[in-house]
Amino acid sequence: MLPITRFPGSVAGRSTSVVHNSMVYTVSTADTYELDMRKQTTEALANLDKQLAQAGTDKSRLLSVIVYITDMALKPQMNEIWDQWVDMKNPPQRACIGAALEEGDLIEIVATASTKD
């Protein structure tokens, strides 16, 4: 049986990332809710970088990303920051979905990555 590694989050009952069988599953948000979309996206992607590194991988090994956004009219602002951040040589499959998020959150990023090439 392959082990499951869970990296504990700051909220009880939630992990920041889970690794199983060379696959990383993680969810990232901004730490500060008083930010606009550009700043929340920048912070959420920086947190995603940290979570991937903690799990032994990086954005070049992202396979799939789902971005949940509270206001789809703000998607162009998110895309601007995304395009600066993403590894254009290894872009993941990505979907953006309008959603009701926790109060203050404008964006939530759900990612799946591999720890191996």
N, C-alpha and C. Protein backbone atom coordinates (compact mmCIF):
# COMPACT_ATOMS: atom_id res chain seq x y z
N MET A 1 0.83 -1.17 0.00
CA MET A 1 0.00 0.00 0.00
C MET A 1 0.89 1.25 0.00
N LEU A 2 0.59 2.19 -0.88
CA LEU A 2 1.36 3.41 -0.98
C LEU A 2 0.94 4.39 0.11
N PRO A 3 1.91 5.08 0.71
CA PRO A 3 1.55 6.02 1.77
C PRO A 3 0.87 7.27 1.23
N ILE A 4 0.07 7.89 2.08
CA ILE A 4 -0.53 9.19 1.80
C ILE A 4 0.13 10.19 2.74
N THR A 5 0.70 11.24 2.19
CA THR A 5 1.33 12.29 2.99
C THR A 5 0.43 13.50 3.00
N ARG A 6 0.07 13.96 4.19
CA ARG A 6 -0.79 15.13 4.34
C ARG A 6 -0.01 16.24 5.02
N PHE A 7 -0.02 17.42 4.42
CA PHE A 7 0.63 18.59 5.00
C PHE A 7 -0.45 19.42 5.69
N PRO A 8 -0.38 19.52 7.02
CA PRO A 8 -1.46 20.18 7.76
C PRO A 8 -1.59 21.66 7.42
N GLY A 9 -2.84 22.11 7.38
CA GLY A 9 -3.13 23.51 7.13
C GLY A 9 -3.28 24.27 8.42
N SER A 10 -3.59 25.54 8.31
CA SER A 10 -3.75 26.39 9.49
C SER A 10 -5.13 26.22 10.13
N VAL A 11 -6.05 25.57 9.41
CA VAL A 11 -7.39 25.32 9.92
C VAL A 11 -7.51 23.84 10.26
N ALA A 12 -8.00 23.54 11.46
CA ALA A 12 -8.16 22.15 11.87
C ALA A 12 -9.04 21.39 10.87
N GLY A 13 -8.63 20.17 10.55
CA GLY A 13 -9.40 19.34 9.65
C GLY A 13 -9.13 19.58 8.18
N ARG A 14 -8.16 20.44 7.86
CA ARG A 14 -7.83 20.72 6.46
C ARG A 14 -6.32 20.59 6.25
N SER A 15 -5.96 19.98 5.15
CA SER A 15 -4.55 19.90 4.75
C SER A 15 -4.30 20.94 3.68
N THR A 16 -3.08 21.47 3.62
CA THR A 16 -2.75 22.38 2.52
C THR A 16 -2.52 21.60 1.25
N SER A 17 -1.94 20.40 1.39
CA SER A 17 -1.65 19.54 0.25
C SER A 17 -1.68 18.09 0.71
N VAL A 18 -1.94 17.22 -0.27
CA VAL A 18 -1.89 15.78 -0.03
C VAL A 18 -1.10 15.16 -1.18
N VAL A 19 -0.21 14.24 -0.86
CA VAL A 19 0.58 13.55 -1.88
C VAL A 19 0.28 12.05 -1.78
N HIS A 20 -0.03 11.45 -2.92
CA HIS A 20 -0.27 10.01 -2.98
C HIS A 20 0.15 9.51 -4.36
N ASN A 21 0.99 8.50 -4.37
CA ASN A 21 1.38 7.86 -5.62
C ASN A 21 1.89 8.86 -6.66
N SER A 22 2.81 9.72 -6.25
CA SER A 22 3.44 10.72 -7.12
C SER A 22 2.50 11.82 -7.60
N MET A 23 1.33 11.92 -6.98
CA MET A 23 0.37 12.97 -7.34
C MET A 23 0.18 13.91 -6.16
N VAL A 24 0.12 15.20 -6.45
CA VAL A 24 -0.08 16.23 -5.44
C VAL A 24 -1.44 16.87 -5.69
N TYR A 25 -2.21 16.99 -4.62
CA TYR A 25 -3.52 17.64 -4.66
C TYR A 25 -3.48 18.78 -3.67
N THR A 26 -3.82 19.99 -4.12
CA THR A 26 -3.71 21.15 -3.24
C THR A 26 -4.74 22.21 -3.60
N VAL A 27 -5.04 23.07 -2.64
CA VAL A 27 -5.95 24.20 -2.82
C VAL A 27 -5.26 25.43 -2.25
N SER A 28 -5.29 26.53 -2.99
CA SER A 28 -4.61 27.75 -2.56
C SER A 28 -5.54 28.96 -2.64
N THR A 29 -5.43 29.81 -1.64
CA THR A 29 -6.13 31.10 -1.62
C THR A 29 -5.16 32.16 -1.16
N ALA A 30 -5.60 33.40 -1.18
CA ALA A 30 -4.81 34.49 -0.61
C ALA A 30 -4.95 34.43 0.91
N ASP A 31 -3.96 34.96 1.61
CA ASP A 31 -4.02 35.01 3.07
C ASP A 31 -4.78 36.22 3.57
N THR A 32 -4.85 37.26 2.74
CA THR A 32 -5.46 38.53 3.13
C THR A 32 -6.67 38.80 2.25
N TYR A 33 -7.81 39.01 2.86
CA TYR A 33 -9.06 39.19 2.11
C TYR A 33 -9.30 40.63 1.67
N GLU A 34 -8.58 41.57 2.20
CA GLU A 34 -8.81 42.98 1.86
C GLU A 34 -8.16 43.37 0.54
N LEU A 35 -7.64 42.41 -0.19
CA LEU A 35 -6.93 42.68 -1.43
C LEU A 35 -7.86 42.66 -2.63
N ASP A 36 -7.44 43.34 -3.71
CA ASP A 36 -8.19 43.27 -4.96
C ASP A 36 -7.83 41.98 -5.70
N MET A 37 -8.46 41.74 -6.85
CA MET A 37 -8.25 40.49 -7.59
C MET A 37 -6.79 40.28 -7.97
N ARG A 38 -6.12 41.30 -8.46
CA ARG A 38 -4.71 41.13 -8.86
C ARG A 38 -3.86 40.70 -7.66
N LYS A 39 -4.06 41.37 -6.54
CA LYS A 39 -3.25 41.05 -5.36
C LYS A 39 -3.62 39.69 -4.78
N GLN A 40 -4.92 39.36 -4.76
CA GLN A 40 -5.31 38.03 -4.26
C GLN A 40 -4.76 36.94 -5.17
N THR A 41 -4.78 37.16 -6.49
CA THR A 41 -4.24 36.17 -7.42
C THR A 41 -2.74 36.01 -7.21
N THR A 42 -2.02 37.11 -7.07
CA THR A 42 -0.58 37.07 -6.83
C THR A 42 -0.27 36.29 -5.56
N GLU A 43 -1.01 36.58 -4.50
CA GLU A 43 -0.77 35.92 -3.22
C GLU A 43 -1.15 34.44 -3.28
N ALA A 44 -2.28 34.12 -3.92
CA ALA A 44 -2.70 32.72 -4.03
C ALA A 44 -1.69 31.90 -4.84
N LEU A 45 -1.15 32.48 -5.91
CA LEU A 45 -0.16 31.77 -6.72
C LEU A 45 1.16 31.62 -5.96
N ALA A 46 1.54 32.62 -5.18
CA ALA A 46 2.74 32.50 -4.34
C ALA A 46 2.55 31.38 -3.31
N ASN A 47 1.36 31.31 -2.73
CA ASN A 47 1.07 30.22 -1.79
C ASN A 47 1.08 28.87 -2.50
N LEU A 48 0.57 28.83 -3.72
CA LEU A 48 0.61 27.59 -4.49
C LEU A 48 2.05 27.15 -4.74
N ASP A 49 2.92 28.09 -5.09
CA ASP A 49 4.35 27.76 -5.25
C ASP A 49 4.91 27.12 -3.99
N LYS A 50 4.58 27.69 -2.82
CA LYS A 50 5.08 27.16 -1.54
C LYS A 50 4.53 25.76 -1.28
N GLN A 51 3.25 25.56 -1.54
CA GLN A 51 2.63 24.26 -1.31
C GLN A 51 3.21 23.20 -2.23
N LEU A 52 3.44 23.54 -3.48
CA LEU A 52 4.04 22.59 -4.41
C LEU A 52 5.46 22.24 -3.99
N ALA A 53 6.23 23.23 -3.58
CA ALA A 53 7.61 22.98 -3.12
C ALA A 53 7.60 22.07 -1.88
N GLN A 54 6.69 22.33 -0.96
CA GLN A 54 6.59 21.51 0.24
C GLN A 54 6.30 20.05 -0.12
N ALA A 55 5.54 19.85 -1.19
CA ALA A 55 5.18 18.50 -1.63
C ALA A 55 6.22 17.89 -2.56
N GLY A 56 7.28 18.62 -2.87
CA GLY A 56 8.36 18.07 -3.68
C GLY A 56 8.21 18.27 -5.18
N THR A 57 7.51 19.31 -5.58
CA THR A 57 7.33 19.57 -7.01
C THR A 57 7.28 21.07 -7.25
N ASP A 58 6.92 21.48 -8.47
CA ASP A 58 6.81 22.90 -8.79
C ASP A 58 5.79 23.10 -9.91
N LYS A 59 5.59 24.35 -10.31
CA LYS A 59 4.55 24.67 -11.29
C LYS A 59 4.80 24.05 -12.67
N SER A 60 6.03 23.65 -12.96
CA SER A 60 6.31 23.00 -14.25
C SER A 60 5.68 21.62 -14.34
N ARG A 61 5.26 21.08 -13.19
CA ARG A 61 4.67 19.74 -13.16
C ARG A 61 3.16 19.78 -12.86
N LEU A 62 2.58 20.96 -12.95
CA LEU A 62 1.13 21.05 -12.81
C LEU A 62 0.45 20.33 -13.95
N LEU A 63 -0.56 19.58 -13.64
CA LEU A 63 -1.33 18.85 -14.65
C LEU A 63 -2.66 19.54 -14.93
N SER A 64 -3.35 19.91 -13.86
CA SER A 64 -4.69 20.46 -13.99
C SER A 64 -4.91 21.51 -12.91
N VAL A 65 -5.57 22.60 -13.29
CA VAL A 65 -5.89 23.68 -12.35
C VAL A 65 -7.33 24.11 -12.59
N ILE A 66 -8.08 24.23 -11.50
CA ILE A 66 -9.41 24.83 -11.55
C ILE A 66 -9.35 26.10 -10.72
N VAL A 67 -9.72 27.21 -11.34
CA VAL A 67 -9.72 28.50 -10.66
C VAL A 67 -11.18 28.89 -10.42
N TYR A 68 -11.54 29.04 -9.16
CA TYR A 68 -12.88 29.50 -8.81
C TYR A 68 -12.81 31.00 -8.56
N ILE A 69 -13.71 31.75 -9.18
CA ILE A 69 -13.70 33.22 -9.11
C ILE A 69 -15.10 33.69 -8.70
N THR A 70 -15.15 34.65 -7.77
CA THR A 70 -16.45 35.14 -7.32
C THR A 70 -17.14 36.01 -8.36
N ASP A 71 -16.36 36.71 -9.18
CA ASP A 71 -16.92 37.63 -10.17
C ASP A 71 -16.17 37.43 -11.49
N MET A 72 -16.81 36.78 -12.45
CA MET A 72 -16.14 36.46 -13.72
C MET A 72 -15.74 37.72 -14.49
N ALA A 73 -16.30 38.86 -14.16
CA ALA A 73 -15.88 40.12 -14.79
C ALA A 73 -14.44 40.46 -14.39
N LEU A 74 -13.95 39.86 -13.31
CA LEU A 74 -12.57 40.08 -12.85
C LEU A 74 -11.58 39.08 -13.45
N LYS A 75 -12.07 38.15 -14.26
CA LYS A 75 -11.19 37.13 -14.85
C LYS A 75 -10.03 37.73 -15.65
N PRO A 76 -10.23 38.80 -16.43
CA PRO A 76 -9.09 39.37 -17.15
C PRO A 76 -7.95 39.81 -16.22
N GLN A 77 -8.29 40.31 -15.04
CA GLN A 77 -7.25 40.70 -14.07
C GLN A 77 -6.51 39.47 -13.56
N MET A 78 -7.26 38.39 -13.29
CA MET A 78 -6.63 37.15 -12.86
C MET A 78 -5.73 36.61 -13.97
N ASN A 79 -6.23 36.63 -15.23
CA ASN A 79 -5.45 36.12 -16.36
C ASN A 79 -4.14 36.88 -16.53
N GLU A 80 -4.16 38.17 -16.29
CA GLU A 80 -2.94 38.98 -16.41
C GLU A 80 -1.85 38.47 -15.46
N ILE A 81 -2.22 38.20 -14.22
CA ILE A 81 -1.26 37.70 -13.23
C ILE A 81 -0.90 36.25 -13.55
N TRP A 82 -1.88 35.44 -13.92
CA TRP A 82 -1.64 34.04 -14.29
C TRP A 82 -0.60 33.94 -15.40
N ASP A 83 -0.77 34.74 -16.45
CA ASP A 83 0.13 34.69 -17.60
C ASP A 83 1.56 35.04 -17.24
N GLN A 84 1.75 35.88 -16.23
CA GLN A 84 3.10 36.22 -15.76
C GLN A 84 3.69 35.09 -14.92
N TRP A 85 2.82 34.33 -14.26
CA TRP A 85 3.27 33.31 -13.31
C TRP A 85 3.46 31.92 -13.95
N VAL A 86 2.57 31.52 -14.83
CA VAL A 86 2.55 30.15 -15.34
C VAL A 86 3.82 29.83 -16.13
N ASP A 87 4.23 28.55 -16.07
CA ASP A 87 5.36 28.06 -16.86
C ASP A 87 4.84 27.83 -18.28
N MET A 88 5.12 28.76 -19.18
CA MET A 88 4.57 28.69 -20.54
C MET A 88 5.10 27.49 -21.33
N LYS A 89 6.23 26.90 -20.89
CA LYS A 89 6.74 25.71 -21.55
C LYS A 89 5.98 24.46 -21.11
N ASN A 90 5.32 24.55 -19.96
CA ASN A 90 4.59 23.42 -19.40
C ASN A 90 3.24 23.87 -18.83
N PRO A 91 2.40 24.50 -19.64
CA PRO A 91 1.14 25.00 -19.09
C PRO A 91 0.18 23.86 -18.75
N PRO A 92 -0.48 23.97 -17.58
CA PRO A 92 -1.45 22.94 -17.23
C PRO A 92 -2.77 23.15 -17.94
N GLN A 93 -3.60 22.13 -17.94
CA GLN A 93 -4.99 22.29 -18.36
C GLN A 93 -5.61 23.19 -17.29
N ARG A 94 -6.44 24.17 -17.68
CA ARG A 94 -7.02 25.09 -16.70
C ARG A 94 -8.47 25.39 -17.02
N ALA A 95 -9.29 25.44 -16.00
CA ALA A 95 -10.69 25.85 -16.13
C ALA A 95 -10.94 26.96 -15.11
N CYS A 96 -11.81 27.89 -15.47
CA CYS A 96 -12.23 28.95 -14.56
C CYS A 96 -13.74 28.85 -14.37
N ILE A 97 -14.15 28.88 -13.12
CA ILE A 97 -15.56 28.69 -12.79
C ILE A 97 -16.00 29.79 -11.85
N GLY A 98 -17.13 30.42 -12.15
CA GLY A 98 -17.72 31.40 -11.24
C GLY A 98 -18.32 30.66 -10.06
N ALA A 99 -18.05 31.15 -8.85
CA ALA A 99 -18.53 30.45 -7.66
C ALA A 99 -18.69 31.40 -6.49
N ALA A 100 -19.55 31.04 -5.58
CA ALA A 100 -19.66 31.76 -4.30
C ALA A 100 -18.58 31.18 -3.39
N LEU A 101 -17.67 32.03 -2.93
CA LEU A 101 -16.58 31.59 -2.05
C LEU A 101 -16.78 32.16 -0.65
N GLU A 102 -15.91 31.77 0.27
CA GLU A 102 -15.98 32.32 1.61
C GLU A 102 -15.89 33.84 1.54
N GLU A 103 -16.54 34.49 2.47
CA GLU A 103 -16.58 35.95 2.47
C GLU A 103 -15.17 36.53 2.42
N GLY A 104 -14.94 37.40 1.45
CA GLY A 104 -13.63 38.04 1.28
C GLY A 104 -12.78 37.40 0.21
N ASP A 105 -12.98 36.10 -0.04
CA ASP A 105 -12.20 35.42 -1.08
C ASP A 105 -12.73 35.81 -2.45
N LEU A 106 -11.84 36.23 -3.32
CA LEU A 106 -12.19 36.50 -4.71
C LEU A 106 -11.78 35.35 -5.61
N ILE A 107 -10.81 34.54 -5.13
CA ILE A 107 -10.24 33.48 -5.96
C ILE A 107 -9.83 32.30 -5.08
N GLU A 108 -10.00 31.10 -5.62
CA GLU A 108 -9.53 29.88 -4.98
C GLU A 108 -8.98 29.00 -6.09
N ILE A 109 -7.79 28.44 -5.89
CA ILE A 109 -7.11 27.67 -6.93
C ILE A 109 -6.96 26.22 -6.47
N VAL A 110 -7.50 25.30 -7.24
CA VAL A 110 -7.40 23.88 -6.97
C VAL A 110 -6.45 23.29 -8.00
N ALA A 111 -5.40 22.63 -7.54
CA ALA A 111 -4.37 22.15 -8.48
C ALA A 111 -4.02 20.69 -8.23
N THR A 112 -3.68 20.03 -9.34
CA THR A 112 -3.15 18.67 -9.30
C THR A 112 -1.82 18.69 -10.04
N ALA A 113 -0.81 18.10 -9.41
CA ALA A 113 0.52 18.09 -10.01
C ALA A 113 1.16 16.71 -9.81
N SER A 114 2.22 16.48 -10.53
CA SER A 114 2.99 15.24 -10.38
C SER A 114 4.31 15.57 -9.70
N THR A 115 4.82 14.60 -8.95
CA THR A 115 6.15 14.78 -8.36
C THR A 115 7.23 14.18 -9.23
N LYS A 116 6.82 13.52 -10.33
CA LYS A 116 7.77 12.90 -11.26
C LYS A 116 7.52 13.40 -12.67
N ASP A 117 8.57 13.33 -13.49
CA ASP A 117 8.43 13.70 -14.92
C ASP A 117 7.66 12.63 -15.66
